[in-house]
Amino acid sequence: MSPLRWGLALSGWADLAAVTFLPDAAVLRVLVTTAFLLVCPGLAAARWARPASARAADRTVVLEAAVLSVVVGMSLSVLVVEALYLSGTFTVTRALLALAVVTSLLALLPQPGGPLSRMRRVAPDDGPPTATDDGGDPPSPEGGALPDGGASRTMRSSGRLAAAAVAGSRW
């Protein structure tokens, strides 16, 4: 596990310790808490939700990740504070405790895109399209509907749609 993940996992607990042991108006307490609230929960959530790409050295990608981290961190903070206010149990310590737990869980969860999710998912191939797939149902020997009610054509079409969705192509 990388030092960034351990740092994120421990950041909330360090902030909680600073809030607990430092005096109320201490500059260090305000700086540590502000830095934690603005960066750490959002960075943990963005890291987990969006794996780093190969272009991570590009400045625009780094800026995008920074903005996303701040916005998601503020959103998580607002959600926690609002839930505590509505339940009538808000304190700064409880809010930071909840955010420390969320940050630690998000930092320590295995990142999506691991070995199991990198395996290519292959959909069954229906074969080449037939003339009946584009038009209506082919005529049956009796001149009526297909014996299966047209279900075979529907199954083939939905199989191709699923294969296209897995492959990421557009129809």
N, C-alpha and C. Protein backbone atom coordinates (compact mmCIF):
# COMPACT_ATOMS: atom_id res chain seq x y z
N MET A 1 0.84 -1.17 0.00
CA MET A 1 0.00 0.00 0.00
C MET A 1 0.89 1.24 0.00
N SER A 2 0.48 2.24 -0.74
CA SER A 2 1.31 3.42 -0.91
C SER A 2 1.25 4.33 0.32
N PRO A 3 2.29 5.14 0.49
CA PRO A 3 2.29 6.09 1.61
C PRO A 3 1.17 7.13 1.51
N LEU A 4 0.73 7.47 0.29
CA LEU A 4 -0.37 8.40 0.12
C LEU A 4 -1.65 7.85 0.74
N ARG A 5 -1.90 6.57 0.51
CA ARG A 5 -3.10 5.96 1.08
C ARG A 5 -3.04 5.93 2.60
N TRP A 6 -1.88 5.61 3.17
CA TRP A 6 -1.75 5.61 4.63
C TRP A 6 -1.86 7.02 5.18
N GLY A 7 -1.29 7.98 4.47
CA GLY A 7 -1.40 9.37 4.91
C GLY A 7 -2.84 9.85 4.90
N LEU A 8 -3.58 9.47 3.85
CA LEU A 8 -5.00 9.83 3.80
C LEU A 8 -5.78 9.14 4.92
N ALA A 9 -5.48 7.88 5.16
CA ALA A 9 -6.21 7.14 6.19
C ALA A 9 -5.96 7.71 7.58
N LEU A 10 -4.76 8.23 7.81
CA LEU A 10 -4.43 8.75 9.14
C LEU A 10 -4.69 10.25 9.29
N SER A 11 -4.97 10.94 8.19
CA SER A 11 -5.13 12.40 8.24
C SER A 11 -6.31 12.83 9.11
N GLY A 12 -7.40 12.15 9.00
CA GLY A 12 -8.58 12.50 9.80
C GLY A 12 -8.34 12.28 11.29
N TRP A 13 -7.61 11.24 11.61
CA TRP A 13 -7.33 10.94 13.02
C TRP A 13 -6.34 11.96 13.59
N ALA A 14 -5.40 12.41 12.76
CA ALA A 14 -4.47 13.46 13.21
C ALA A 14 -5.22 14.77 13.43
N ASP A 15 -6.16 15.08 12.55
CA ASP A 15 -6.97 16.29 12.72
C ASP A 15 -7.85 16.18 13.97
N LEU A 16 -8.40 15.02 14.20
CA LEU A 16 -9.22 14.82 15.39
C LEU A 16 -8.39 14.98 16.66
N ALA A 17 -7.15 14.51 16.62
CA ALA A 17 -6.25 14.70 17.77
C ALA A 17 -5.92 16.18 17.96
N ALA A 18 -5.71 16.90 16.85
CA ALA A 18 -5.42 18.33 16.95
C ALA A 18 -6.60 19.09 17.54
N VAL A 19 -7.81 18.74 17.13
CA VAL A 19 -9.01 19.40 17.66
C VAL A 19 -9.19 19.08 19.14
N THR A 20 -8.85 17.87 19.51
CA THR A 20 -9.05 17.45 20.90
C THR A 20 -8.04 18.09 21.84
N PHE A 21 -6.78 18.18 21.43
CA PHE A 21 -5.73 18.58 22.36
C PHE A 21 -5.29 20.04 22.25
N LEU A 22 -5.55 20.71 21.14
CA LEU A 22 -5.15 22.10 20.99
C LEU A 22 -6.24 23.03 21.50
N PRO A 23 -5.88 24.23 21.97
CA PRO A 23 -6.90 25.18 22.43
C PRO A 23 -7.81 25.61 21.28
N ASP A 24 -8.97 26.13 21.64
CA ASP A 24 -10.01 26.44 20.65
C ASP A 24 -9.56 27.38 19.54
N ALA A 25 -8.89 28.44 19.82
CA ALA A 25 -8.53 29.43 18.80
C ALA A 25 -7.09 29.29 18.32
N ALA A 26 -6.47 28.16 18.51
CA ALA A 26 -5.08 27.97 18.09
C ALA A 26 -4.98 27.99 16.56
N VAL A 27 -3.98 28.67 16.06
CA VAL A 27 -3.79 28.79 14.61
C VAL A 27 -3.52 27.43 13.99
N LEU A 28 -2.72 26.61 14.65
CA LEU A 28 -2.41 25.28 14.13
C LEU A 28 -3.68 24.42 14.02
N ARG A 29 -4.55 24.52 15.00
CA ARG A 29 -5.81 23.77 14.97
C ARG A 29 -6.66 24.18 13.77
N VAL A 30 -6.76 25.47 13.53
CA VAL A 30 -7.56 25.98 12.40
C VAL A 30 -6.94 25.54 11.07
N LEU A 31 -5.62 25.63 10.95
CA LEU A 31 -4.95 25.25 9.70
C LEU A 31 -5.08 23.76 9.41
N VAL A 32 -4.88 22.94 10.43
CA VAL A 32 -4.96 21.49 10.24
C VAL A 32 -6.39 21.09 9.87
N THR A 33 -7.36 21.66 10.56
CA THR A 33 -8.75 21.31 10.29
C THR A 33 -9.18 21.79 8.90
N THR A 34 -8.80 22.99 8.53
CA THR A 34 -9.15 23.50 7.21
C THR A 34 -8.51 22.67 6.10
N ALA A 35 -7.25 22.33 6.26
CA ALA A 35 -6.57 21.51 5.26
C ALA A 35 -7.23 20.14 5.14
N PHE A 36 -7.56 19.55 6.28
CA PHE A 36 -8.21 18.24 6.24
C PHE A 36 -9.56 18.32 5.54
N LEU A 37 -10.39 19.28 5.94
CA LEU A 37 -11.74 19.37 5.39
C LEU A 37 -11.73 19.68 3.89
N LEU A 38 -10.79 20.49 3.44
CA LEU A 38 -10.76 20.87 2.03
C LEU A 38 -10.17 19.78 1.13
N VAL A 39 -9.23 19.00 1.65
CA VAL A 39 -8.49 18.11 0.76
C VAL A 39 -8.72 16.62 1.01
N CYS A 40 -8.59 16.18 2.23
CA CYS A 40 -8.46 14.75 2.49
C CYS A 40 -9.69 13.89 2.17
N PRO A 41 -10.90 14.21 2.65
CA PRO A 41 -12.02 13.34 2.28
C PRO A 41 -12.26 13.31 0.77
N GLY A 42 -12.13 14.44 0.12
CA GLY A 42 -12.33 14.49 -1.32
C GLY A 42 -11.26 13.75 -2.09
N LEU A 43 -10.02 13.85 -1.64
CA LEU A 43 -8.93 13.13 -2.31
C LEU A 43 -9.10 11.63 -2.17
N ALA A 44 -9.52 11.18 -0.99
CA ALA A 44 -9.76 9.76 -0.79
C ALA A 44 -10.91 9.27 -1.67
N ALA A 45 -11.98 10.05 -1.75
CA ALA A 45 -13.13 9.65 -2.57
C ALA A 45 -12.78 9.70 -4.05
N ALA A 46 -12.09 10.73 -4.49
CA ALA A 46 -11.73 10.84 -5.90
C ALA A 46 -10.72 9.76 -6.29
N ARG A 47 -9.81 9.43 -5.40
CA ARG A 47 -8.84 8.37 -5.68
C ARG A 47 -9.54 7.03 -5.83
N TRP A 48 -10.54 6.80 -5.00
CA TRP A 48 -11.23 5.52 -5.06
C TRP A 48 -12.18 5.45 -6.25
N ALA A 49 -12.88 6.54 -6.51
CA ALA A 49 -13.88 6.53 -7.55
C ALA A 49 -13.29 6.64 -8.95
N ARG A 50 -12.13 7.25 -9.06
CA ARG A 50 -11.55 7.48 -10.38
C ARG A 50 -10.08 7.13 -10.35
N PRO A 51 -9.72 5.92 -10.80
CA PRO A 51 -8.32 5.52 -10.76
C PRO A 51 -7.43 6.44 -11.59
N ALA A 52 -6.19 6.57 -11.16
CA ALA A 52 -5.24 7.43 -11.86
C ALA A 52 -4.98 6.89 -13.26
N SER A 53 -4.91 7.77 -14.21
CA SER A 53 -4.65 7.37 -15.58
C SER A 53 -3.15 7.42 -15.86
N ALA A 54 -2.80 6.99 -17.04
CA ALA A 54 -1.39 7.00 -17.44
C ALA A 54 -0.90 8.42 -17.66
N ARG A 55 -1.82 9.37 -17.87
CA ARG A 55 -1.43 10.75 -18.12
C ARG A 55 -1.36 11.55 -16.83
N ALA A 56 -1.12 10.94 -15.70
CA ALA A 56 -1.18 11.63 -14.42
C ALA A 56 -0.15 12.76 -14.31
N ALA A 57 0.85 12.78 -15.17
CA ALA A 57 1.85 13.84 -15.11
C ALA A 57 1.40 15.10 -15.84
N ASP A 58 0.35 14.99 -16.62
CA ASP A 58 -0.17 16.14 -17.35
C ASP A 58 -0.76 17.15 -16.36
N ARG A 59 -0.48 18.44 -16.57
CA ARG A 59 -0.93 19.48 -15.64
C ARG A 59 -2.45 19.59 -15.57
N THR A 60 -3.12 19.42 -16.69
CA THR A 60 -4.57 19.53 -16.66
C THR A 60 -5.21 18.40 -15.87
N VAL A 61 -4.63 17.23 -15.92
CA VAL A 61 -5.16 16.10 -15.16
C VAL A 61 -4.94 16.33 -13.67
N VAL A 62 -3.78 16.87 -13.32
CA VAL A 62 -3.50 17.16 -11.91
C VAL A 62 -4.43 18.26 -11.40
N LEU A 63 -4.65 19.30 -12.20
CA LEU A 63 -5.56 20.36 -11.81
C LEU A 63 -6.99 19.85 -11.68
N GLU A 64 -7.40 19.01 -12.61
CA GLU A 64 -8.74 18.42 -12.55
C GLU A 64 -8.91 17.58 -11.29
N ALA A 65 -7.89 16.79 -10.94
CA ALA A 65 -7.96 15.98 -9.73
C ALA A 65 -8.01 16.85 -8.48
N ALA A 66 -7.26 17.96 -8.48
CA ALA A 66 -7.27 18.87 -7.32
C ALA A 66 -8.62 19.53 -7.14
N VAL A 67 -9.21 20.01 -8.23
CA VAL A 67 -10.52 20.65 -8.14
C VAL A 67 -11.58 19.63 -7.72
N LEU A 68 -11.51 18.45 -8.30
CA LEU A 68 -12.46 17.40 -7.94
C LEU A 68 -12.33 17.02 -6.46
N SER A 69 -11.11 16.96 -5.96
CA SER A 69 -10.89 16.62 -4.55
C SER A 69 -11.49 17.67 -3.63
N VAL A 70 -11.31 18.94 -3.96
CA VAL A 70 -11.85 20.00 -3.11
C VAL A 70 -13.38 19.99 -3.13
N VAL A 71 -13.95 19.84 -4.32
CA VAL A 71 -15.41 19.85 -4.44
C VAL A 71 -16.04 18.65 -3.74
N VAL A 72 -15.49 17.48 -3.94
CA VAL A 72 -16.03 16.28 -3.30
C VAL A 72 -15.82 16.33 -1.79
N GLY A 73 -14.67 16.87 -1.35
CA GLY A 73 -14.42 17.02 0.09
C GLY A 73 -15.42 17.96 0.75
N MET A 74 -15.69 19.08 0.10
CA MET A 74 -16.69 20.00 0.64
C MET A 74 -18.08 19.36 0.65
N SER A 75 -18.40 18.62 -0.37
CA SER A 75 -19.70 17.96 -0.44
C SER A 75 -19.85 16.93 0.68
N LEU A 76 -18.83 16.13 0.90
CA LEU A 76 -18.88 15.15 1.99
C LEU A 76 -19.01 15.84 3.34
N SER A 77 -18.29 16.93 3.52
CA SER A 77 -18.37 17.68 4.78
C SER A 77 -19.78 18.21 5.00
N VAL A 78 -20.38 18.76 3.96
CA VAL A 78 -21.73 19.30 4.08
C VAL A 78 -22.73 18.18 4.39
N LEU A 79 -22.58 17.04 3.74
CA LEU A 79 -23.49 15.93 4.00
C LEU A 79 -23.41 15.45 5.44
N VAL A 80 -22.19 15.33 5.96
CA VAL A 80 -22.01 14.88 7.34
C VAL A 80 -22.59 15.90 8.31
N VAL A 81 -22.27 17.17 8.12
CA VAL A 81 -22.75 18.21 9.03
C VAL A 81 -24.27 18.31 8.97
N GLU A 82 -24.83 18.22 7.78
CA GLU A 82 -26.29 18.31 7.66
C GLU A 82 -26.98 17.14 8.35
N ALA A 83 -26.44 15.95 8.19
CA ALA A 83 -27.03 14.79 8.87
C ALA A 83 -26.95 14.94 10.39
N LEU A 84 -25.83 15.44 10.89
CA LEU A 84 -25.71 15.63 12.34
C LEU A 84 -26.63 16.76 12.84
N TYR A 85 -26.77 17.83 12.08
CA TYR A 85 -27.68 18.90 12.47
C TYR A 85 -29.13 18.41 12.50
N LEU A 86 -29.52 17.68 11.47
CA LEU A 86 -30.90 17.21 11.41
C LEU A 86 -31.22 16.21 12.50
N SER A 87 -30.21 15.46 12.92
CA SER A 87 -30.45 14.51 14.01
C SER A 87 -30.31 15.17 15.38
N GLY A 88 -29.87 16.42 15.42
CA GLY A 88 -29.74 17.15 16.68
C GLY A 88 -28.52 16.74 17.49
N THR A 89 -27.52 16.17 16.83
CA THR A 89 -26.33 15.69 17.56
C THR A 89 -25.04 16.32 17.06
N PHE A 90 -25.11 17.50 16.44
CA PHE A 90 -23.91 18.09 15.86
C PHE A 90 -22.95 18.59 16.93
N THR A 91 -21.70 18.16 16.80
CA THR A 91 -20.55 18.76 17.47
C THR A 91 -19.41 18.67 16.47
N VAL A 92 -18.42 19.52 16.63
CA VAL A 92 -17.27 19.49 15.73
C VAL A 92 -16.55 18.16 15.83
N THR A 93 -16.44 17.64 17.03
CA THR A 93 -15.75 16.37 17.22
C THR A 93 -16.48 15.23 16.51
N ARG A 94 -17.80 15.19 16.61
CA ARG A 94 -18.56 14.14 15.92
C ARG A 94 -18.45 14.26 14.40
N ALA A 95 -18.50 15.47 13.91
CA ALA A 95 -18.38 15.68 12.46
C ALA A 95 -17.01 15.23 11.97
N LEU A 96 -15.97 15.61 12.69
CA LEU A 96 -14.61 15.19 12.29
C LEU A 96 -14.42 13.69 12.45
N LEU A 97 -15.04 13.10 13.46
CA LEU A 97 -14.96 11.65 13.64
C LEU A 97 -15.60 10.94 12.45
N ALA A 98 -16.78 11.40 12.05
CA ALA A 98 -17.45 10.78 10.90
C ALA A 98 -16.62 10.95 9.62
N LEU A 99 -16.07 12.13 9.41
CA LEU A 99 -15.25 12.35 8.21
C LEU A 99 -13.94 11.56 8.27
N ALA A 100 -13.38 11.39 9.47
CA ALA A 100 -12.16 10.58 9.60
C ALA A 100 -12.45 9.13 9.25
N VAL A 101 -13.59 8.62 9.69
CA VAL A 101 -13.96 7.24 9.36
C VAL A 101 -14.18 7.08 7.86
N VAL A 102 -14.91 8.00 7.25
CA VAL A 102 -15.17 7.93 5.80
C VAL A 102 -13.87 8.03 5.02
N THR A 103 -13.01 8.95 5.41
CA THR A 103 -11.73 9.12 4.71
C THR A 103 -10.87 7.88 4.84
N SER A 104 -10.81 7.30 6.03
CA SER A 104 -10.00 6.09 6.24
C SER A 104 -10.54 4.93 5.42
N LEU A 105 -11.85 4.76 5.42
CA LEU A 105 -12.43 3.66 4.63
C LEU A 105 -12.17 3.84 3.14
N LEU A 106 -12.37 5.05 2.64
CA LEU A 106 -12.14 5.29 1.21
C LEU A 106 -10.67 5.15 0.84
N ALA A 107 -9.78 5.53 1.74
CA ALA A 107 -8.35 5.43 1.44
C ALA A 107 -7.86 3.98 1.50
N LEU A 108 -8.45 3.18 2.38
CA LEU A 108 -7.97 1.82 2.56
C LEU A 108 -8.69 0.79 1.69
N LEU A 109 -9.82 1.16 1.10
CA LEU A 109 -10.50 0.25 0.19
C LEU A 109 -9.62 -0.01 -1.02
N PRO A 110 -9.66 -1.23 -1.54
CA PRO A 110 -8.89 -1.47 -2.77
C PRO A 110 -9.44 -0.63 -3.90
N GLN A 111 -8.54 -0.08 -4.67
CA GLN A 111 -8.92 0.82 -5.75
C GLN A 111 -9.55 0.02 -6.89
N PRO A 112 -10.65 0.52 -7.46
CA PRO A 112 -11.22 -0.16 -8.62
C PRO A 112 -10.20 -0.20 -9.74
N GLY A 113 -10.32 -1.20 -10.58
CA GLY A 113 -9.35 -1.36 -11.66
C GLY A 113 -8.24 -2.29 -11.25
N GLY A 114 -8.47 -3.08 -10.21
CA GLY A 114 -7.48 -4.06 -9.76
C GLY A 114 -7.41 -5.21 -10.75
N PRO A 115 -6.69 -6.28 -10.39
CA PRO A 115 -6.47 -7.38 -11.33
C PRO A 115 -7.75 -8.05 -11.80
N LEU A 116 -8.75 -8.18 -10.93
CA LEU A 116 -9.97 -8.86 -11.34
C LEU A 116 -10.80 -8.02 -12.29
N SER A 117 -10.83 -6.73 -12.10
CA SER A 117 -11.65 -5.89 -12.98
C SER A 117 -10.92 -5.56 -14.28
N ARG A 118 -9.64 -5.82 -14.36
CA ARG A 118 -8.91 -5.57 -15.61
C ARG A 118 -9.10 -6.69 -16.61
N MET A 119 -9.59 -7.83 -16.14
CA MET A 119 -9.82 -8.94 -17.07
C MET A 119 -10.89 -8.50 -18.07
N ARG A 120 -10.66 -8.83 -19.31
CA ARG A 120 -11.59 -8.43 -20.36
C ARG A 120 -12.84 -9.30 -20.29
N ARG A 121 -13.96 -8.64 -20.27
CA ARG A 121 -15.22 -9.37 -20.25
C ARG A 121 -15.66 -9.57 -21.69
N VAL A 122 -15.85 -10.82 -22.05
CA VAL A 122 -16.20 -11.14 -23.43
C VAL A 122 -17.65 -11.57 -23.46
N ALA A 123 -18.40 -10.92 -24.31
CA ALA A 123 -19.80 -11.30 -24.49
C ALA A 123 -19.88 -12.36 -25.58
N PRO A 124 -20.85 -13.25 -25.48
CA PRO A 124 -20.97 -14.28 -26.53
C PRO A 124 -21.29 -13.62 -27.87
N ASP A 125 -20.68 -14.17 -28.91
CA ASP A 125 -20.88 -13.62 -30.24
C ASP A 125 -22.06 -14.31 -30.89
N ASP A 126 -22.96 -13.54 -31.42
CA ASP A 126 -24.13 -14.09 -32.09
C ASP A 126 -23.85 -14.46 -33.53
N GLY A 127 -22.70 -14.12 -34.02
CA GLY A 127 -22.39 -14.37 -35.42
C GLY A 127 -22.78 -13.17 -36.26
N PRO A 128 -22.65 -13.30 -37.55
CA PRO A 128 -22.97 -12.17 -38.43
C PRO A 128 -24.47 -11.90 -38.43
N PRO A 129 -24.84 -10.64 -38.63
CA PRO A 129 -26.26 -10.33 -38.67
C PRO A 129 -26.92 -10.98 -39.88
N THR A 130 -28.15 -11.36 -39.70
CA THR A 130 -28.89 -11.97 -40.80
C THR A 130 -29.88 -10.96 -41.36
N ALA A 131 -30.46 -11.31 -42.48
CA ALA A 131 -31.41 -10.42 -43.12
C ALA A 131 -32.65 -10.22 -42.25
N THR A 132 -32.96 -11.19 -41.41
CA THR A 132 -34.16 -11.07 -40.59
C THR A 132 -33.96 -10.12 -39.42
N ASP A 133 -32.70 -9.78 -39.09
CA ASP A 133 -32.46 -8.89 -37.96
C ASP A 133 -32.78 -7.45 -38.31
N ASP A 134 -32.68 -7.07 -39.57
CA ASP A 134 -32.93 -5.69 -39.93
C ASP A 134 -34.41 -5.43 -40.20
N GLY A 135 -35.06 -6.35 -40.76
CA GLY A 135 -36.46 -6.15 -41.12
C GLY A 135 -37.36 -6.80 -40.11
N GLY A 136 -38.55 -7.15 -40.56
CA GLY A 136 -39.52 -7.81 -39.69
C GLY A 136 -39.19 -9.27 -39.54
N ASP A 137 -40.10 -9.97 -38.94
CA ASP A 137 -39.93 -11.40 -38.77
C ASP A 137 -40.05 -12.10 -40.11
N PRO A 138 -39.25 -13.16 -40.32
CA PRO A 138 -39.38 -13.90 -41.59
C PRO A 138 -40.72 -14.65 -41.61
N PRO A 139 -41.20 -14.86 -42.77
CA PRO A 139 -42.48 -15.59 -42.84
C PRO A 139 -42.30 -17.01 -42.37
N SER A 140 -43.26 -17.51 -41.65
CA SER A 140 -43.22 -18.90 -41.18
C SER A 140 -43.85 -19.78 -42.25
N PRO A 141 -43.62 -21.06 -42.16
CA PRO A 141 -44.18 -21.95 -43.17
C PRO A 141 -45.71 -21.86 -43.24
N GLU A 142 -46.35 -21.58 -42.12
CA GLU A 142 -47.81 -21.51 -42.12
C GLU A 142 -48.29 -20.12 -42.55
N GLY A 143 -47.40 -19.18 -42.70
CA GLY A 143 -47.80 -17.85 -43.10
C GLY A 143 -48.17 -16.98 -41.90
N GLY A 144 -48.05 -17.49 -40.70
CA GLY A 144 -48.41 -16.74 -39.50
C GLY A 144 -47.16 -16.28 -38.78
N ALA A 145 -47.26 -16.15 -37.48
CA ALA A 145 -46.15 -15.70 -36.66
C ALA A 145 -45.15 -16.83 -36.46
N LEU A 146 -43.97 -16.47 -35.99
CA LEU A 146 -42.97 -17.48 -35.69
C LEU A 146 -43.45 -18.37 -34.56
N PRO A 147 -42.98 -19.63 -34.53
CA PRO A 147 -43.43 -20.52 -33.46
C PRO A 147 -43.06 -20.00 -32.07
N ASP A 148 -41.94 -19.29 -31.94
CA ASP A 148 -41.55 -18.79 -30.62
C ASP A 148 -42.02 -17.37 -30.39
N GLY A 149 -42.87 -16.85 -31.26
CA GLY A 149 -43.41 -15.51 -31.09
C GLY A 149 -42.40 -14.42 -31.40
N GLY A 150 -41.34 -14.74 -32.14
CA GLY A 150 -40.32 -13.75 -32.47
C GLY A 150 -39.29 -13.57 -31.38
N ALA A 151 -39.29 -14.44 -30.38
CA ALA A 151 -38.37 -14.29 -29.26
C ALA A 151 -36.92 -14.50 -29.68
N SER A 152 -36.68 -15.38 -30.67
CA SER A 152 -35.30 -15.63 -31.06
C SER A 152 -34.67 -14.38 -31.67
N ARG A 153 -35.43 -13.61 -32.46
CA ARG A 153 -34.90 -12.38 -33.03
C ARG A 153 -34.65 -11.36 -31.93
N THR A 154 -35.54 -11.28 -30.96
CA THR A 154 -35.37 -10.35 -29.85
C THR A 154 -34.15 -10.72 -29.02
N MET A 155 -33.94 -12.00 -28.79
CA MET A 155 -32.79 -12.45 -28.01
C MET A 155 -31.49 -12.13 -28.75
N ARG A 156 -31.47 -12.35 -30.07
CA ARG A 156 -30.26 -12.03 -30.82
C ARG A 156 -29.96 -10.54 -30.77
N SER A 157 -30.99 -9.71 -30.93
CA SER A 157 -30.79 -8.26 -30.90
C SER A 157 -30.31 -7.79 -29.54
N SER A 158 -30.92 -8.30 -28.47
CA SER A 158 -30.50 -7.88 -27.14
C SER A 158 -29.10 -8.38 -26.83
N GLY A 159 -28.72 -9.54 -27.38
CA GLY A 159 -27.35 -10.04 -27.18
C GLY A 159 -26.34 -9.12 -27.82
N ARG A 160 -26.65 -8.62 -29.04
CA ARG A 160 -25.74 -7.69 -29.70
C ARG A 160 -25.69 -6.36 -28.96
N LEU A 161 -26.83 -5.91 -28.43
CA LEU A 161 -26.83 -4.67 -27.65
C LEU A 161 -25.96 -4.81 -26.41
N ALA A 162 -26.07 -5.95 -25.73
CA ALA A 162 -25.26 -6.16 -24.54
C ALA A 162 -23.78 -6.23 -24.90
N ALA A 163 -23.47 -6.90 -26.01
CA ALA A 163 -22.07 -6.99 -26.43
C ALA A 163 -21.52 -5.61 -26.79
N ALA A 164 -22.35 -4.79 -27.43
CA ALA A 164 -21.93 -3.44 -27.79
C ALA A 164 -21.73 -2.59 -26.54
N ALA A 165 -22.59 -2.76 -25.55
CA ALA A 165 -22.45 -1.99 -24.31
C ALA A 165 -21.19 -2.37 -23.59
N VAL A 166 -20.88 -3.68 -23.55
CA VAL A 166 -19.65 -4.12 -22.89
C VAL A 166 -18.43 -3.62 -23.64
N ALA A 167 -18.49 -3.65 -24.97
CA ALA A 167 -17.35 -3.21 -25.76
C ALA A 167 -17.20 -1.71 -25.76
N GLY A 168 -18.24 -0.96 -25.35
CA GLY A 168 -18.15 0.48 -25.27
C GLY A 168 -18.43 1.17 -26.59
N SER A 169 -18.95 0.43 -27.55
CA SER A 169 -19.24 1.06 -28.84
C SER A 169 -20.64 1.64 -28.84
N ARG A 170 -20.91 2.49 -29.80
CA ARG A 170 -22.23 3.11 -29.91
C ARG A 170 -22.97 2.49 -31.09
N TRP A 171 -24.28 2.47 -30.97
CA TRP A 171 -25.13 2.01 -32.09
C TRP A 171 -25.52 3.17 -32.89
